[in-house]
Amino acid sequence: MVVFESFRSAARQAELYAQGRTKLFDDNKQRLKVVTKAVPWSSLHQYGFAVDFVLSIPGVNPWANSPHWATLHQIAAGFDLVPLSFELAHLQPANVSVSALQAGKFPRAGGVDWAANMRDAIRAYPLGAPPIAQVLDV
């Protein structure tokens, strides 16, 4: 397993959400599939609390259904990380809520650097973003 993506900007999330919905075809005119259920600011990726993995096995599709996902989930559980029921490659903390983050209730353990990164991310894509003032209070 290797990390594919962790922090994801809200702009990137918007691109992923459009895939298969409003952006129907790639540059080669191949039909795109929907890849996420989350609009910007409704994924823990925008807050730096989620990570997506891929399989790193030569000749194997990196997103393939494999028993390796169960092993990853078992190891992750020991760190209080959980997968999404519909996305095997995704892990996030069991105790962090998107609704709390959207309301500007941020974990104090994030620290000053995390708060500065969040402030910059919110300024870059304010549409639907959590309140900035709360981020600066971390």
Protein backbone atom coordinates (compact mmCIF):
# COMPACT_ATOMS: atom_id res chain seq x y z
CA MET A 1 0.00 0.00 0.00
CA VAL A 2 1.12 3.51 -0.74
CA VAL A 3 -0.51 6.85 0.02
CA PHE A 4 -2.32 8.16 -3.05
CA GLU A 5 -3.77 11.37 -1.62
CA SER A 6 -4.21 12.92 1.81
CA PHE A 7 -4.95 16.64 2.08
CA ARG A 8 -7.12 17.60 -0.88
CA SER A 9 -7.95 21.20 -1.68
CA ALA A 10 -11.58 22.18 -2.00
CA ALA A 11 -10.92 23.06 -5.66
CA ARG A 12 -9.65 19.52 -6.31
CA GLN A 13 -12.66 18.12 -4.45
CA ALA A 14 -14.92 20.17 -6.73
CA GLU A 15 -13.17 18.69 -9.79
CA LEU A 16 -13.60 15.17 -8.46
CA TYR A 17 -17.25 15.80 -7.62
CA ALA A 18 -17.90 17.09 -11.16
CA GLN A 19 -16.42 13.92 -12.64
CA GLY A 20 -19.24 11.81 -14.04
CA ARG A 21 -21.81 14.49 -13.20
CA THR A 22 -21.12 17.74 -15.07
CA LYS A 23 -17.79 16.65 -16.56
CA LEU A 24 -18.91 13.58 -18.45
CA PHE A 25 -15.93 12.77 -20.70
CA ASP A 26 -12.15 12.83 -20.41
CA ASP A 27 -9.79 14.24 -23.07
CA ASN A 28 -9.97 10.92 -24.96
CA LYS A 29 -13.78 11.11 -25.05
CA GLN A 30 -14.08 8.24 -22.57
CA ARG A 31 -17.11 8.38 -20.26
CA LEU A 32 -16.09 9.35 -16.72
CA LYS A 33 -17.41 7.57 -13.65
CA VAL A 34 -18.54 9.27 -10.46
CA VAL A 35 -15.65 8.94 -7.99
CA THR A 36 -16.87 10.77 -4.87
CA LYS A 37 -20.07 11.52 -3.02
CA ALA A 38 -18.57 14.56 -1.31
CA VAL A 39 -18.86 18.18 -2.42
CA PRO A 40 -16.11 20.60 -1.32
CA TRP A 41 -15.83 20.97 2.45
CA SER A 42 -17.87 17.81 3.12
CA SER A 43 -14.88 15.47 2.99
CA LEU A 44 -12.30 15.08 5.73
CA HIS A 45 -9.66 15.42 3.00
CA GLN A 46 -10.22 19.21 2.93
CA TYR A 47 -9.34 19.38 6.61
CA GLY A 48 -6.29 17.14 6.39
CA PHE A 49 -7.97 14.27 8.27
CA ALA A 50 -8.27 11.63 5.55
CA VAL A 51 -5.96 9.57 3.40
CA ASP A 52 -6.50 7.40 0.33
CA PHE A 53 -4.25 4.45 -0.40
CA VAL A 54 -3.61 2.37 -3.50
CA LEU A 55 -2.19 -1.10 -3.95
CA SER A 56 1.41 -1.07 -5.08
CA ILE A 57 1.70 -4.50 -6.68
CA PRO A 58 3.24 -4.71 -10.15
CA GLY A 59 0.64 -5.71 -12.74
CA VAL A 60 -2.32 -5.24 -10.35
CA ASN A 61 -4.89 -2.46 -10.69
CA PRO A 62 -4.08 -0.09 -7.78
CA TRP A 63 -7.80 0.14 -6.90
CA ALA A 64 -8.53 -3.60 -7.26
CA ASN A 65 -10.67 -5.46 -4.76
CA SER A 66 -8.12 -7.39 -2.74
CA PRO A 67 -7.71 -9.07 0.65
CA HIS A 68 -4.99 -6.48 1.30
CA TRP A 69 -7.69 -3.89 2.06
CA ALA A 70 -8.93 -5.97 5.00
CA THR A 71 -5.37 -6.14 6.33
CA LEU A 72 -4.98 -2.37 6.00
CA HIS A 73 -8.29 -1.81 7.83
CA GLN A 74 -7.27 -4.17 10.60
CA ILE A 75 -3.98 -2.32 11.14
CA ALA A 76 -5.73 1.07 10.89
CA ALA A 77 -8.25 0.10 13.59
CA GLY A 78 -5.36 -0.07 16.04
CA PHE A 79 -4.82 3.65 15.39
CA ASP A 80 -8.53 4.52 15.68
CA LEU A 81 -8.82 4.96 11.92
CA VAL A 82 -11.81 3.70 9.96
CA PRO A 83 -12.59 3.21 6.27
CA LEU A 84 -15.70 4.49 4.59
CA SER A 85 -18.16 1.66 3.98
CA PHE A 86 -18.25 2.48 0.26
CA GLU A 87 -14.55 3.31 -0.26
CA LEU A 88 -11.99 0.70 0.75
CA ALA A 89 -8.99 2.90 -0.07
CA HIS A 90 -10.05 5.72 2.29
CA LEU A 91 -9.12 5.98 5.98
CA GLN A 92 -10.10 8.67 8.48
CA PRO A 93 -10.16 9.13 12.26
CA ALA A 94 -13.14 7.50 13.93
CA ASN A 95 -13.66 10.48 16.25
CA VAL A 96 -13.60 13.43 13.80
CA SER A 97 -16.91 14.69 12.43
CA VAL A 98 -17.32 16.61 9.17
CA SER A 99 -20.34 18.43 10.61
CA ALA A 100 -18.29 19.68 13.57
CA LEU A 101 -15.51 20.84 11.23
CA GLN A 102 -18.05 22.58 8.97
CA ALA A 103 -19.34 24.41 12.05
CA GLY A 104 -15.81 25.62 12.84
CA LYS A 105 -15.25 23.24 15.77
CA PHE A 106 -11.66 22.24 15.19
CA PRO A 107 -9.48 19.91 17.28
CA ARG A 108 -7.00 21.83 19.39
CA ALA A 109 -4.31 19.23 18.65
CA GLY A 110 -4.01 20.58 15.11
CA GLY A 111 -1.74 23.36 16.26
CA VAL A 112 -0.69 26.64 14.72
CA ASP A 113 0.64 25.18 11.45
CA TRP A 114 -2.58 23.26 10.83
CA ALA A 115 -4.62 26.41 11.56
CA ALA A 116 -2.51 28.45 9.12
CA ASN A 117 -2.94 25.81 6.41
CA MET A 118 -6.70 25.74 7.00
CA ARG A 119 -6.90 29.54 6.87
CA ASP A 120 -5.07 29.50 3.51
CA ALA A 121 -7.27 26.69 2.16
CA ILE A 122 -10.44 28.55 3.17
CA ARG A 123 -9.26 31.78 1.58
CA ALA A 124 -8.43 29.89 -1.63
CA TYR A 125 -11.93 28.35 -1.85
CA PRO A 126 -14.35 30.11 0.51
CA LEU A 127 -17.56 28.70 -1.03
CA GLY A 128 -19.08 26.46 1.66
CA ALA A 129 -15.98 26.73 3.84
CA PRO A 130 -16.04 26.68 7.65
CA PRO A 131 -15.65 29.98 9.53
CA ILE A 132 -12.10 31.33 9.37
CA ALA A 133 -12.19 33.00 12.82
CA GLN A 134 -12.58 29.63 14.51
CA VAL A 135 -9.57 28.23 12.65
CA LEU A 136 -7.40 31.10 13.88
CA ASP A 137 -8.41 30.36 17.49
CA VAL A 138 -6.85 26.87 17.39
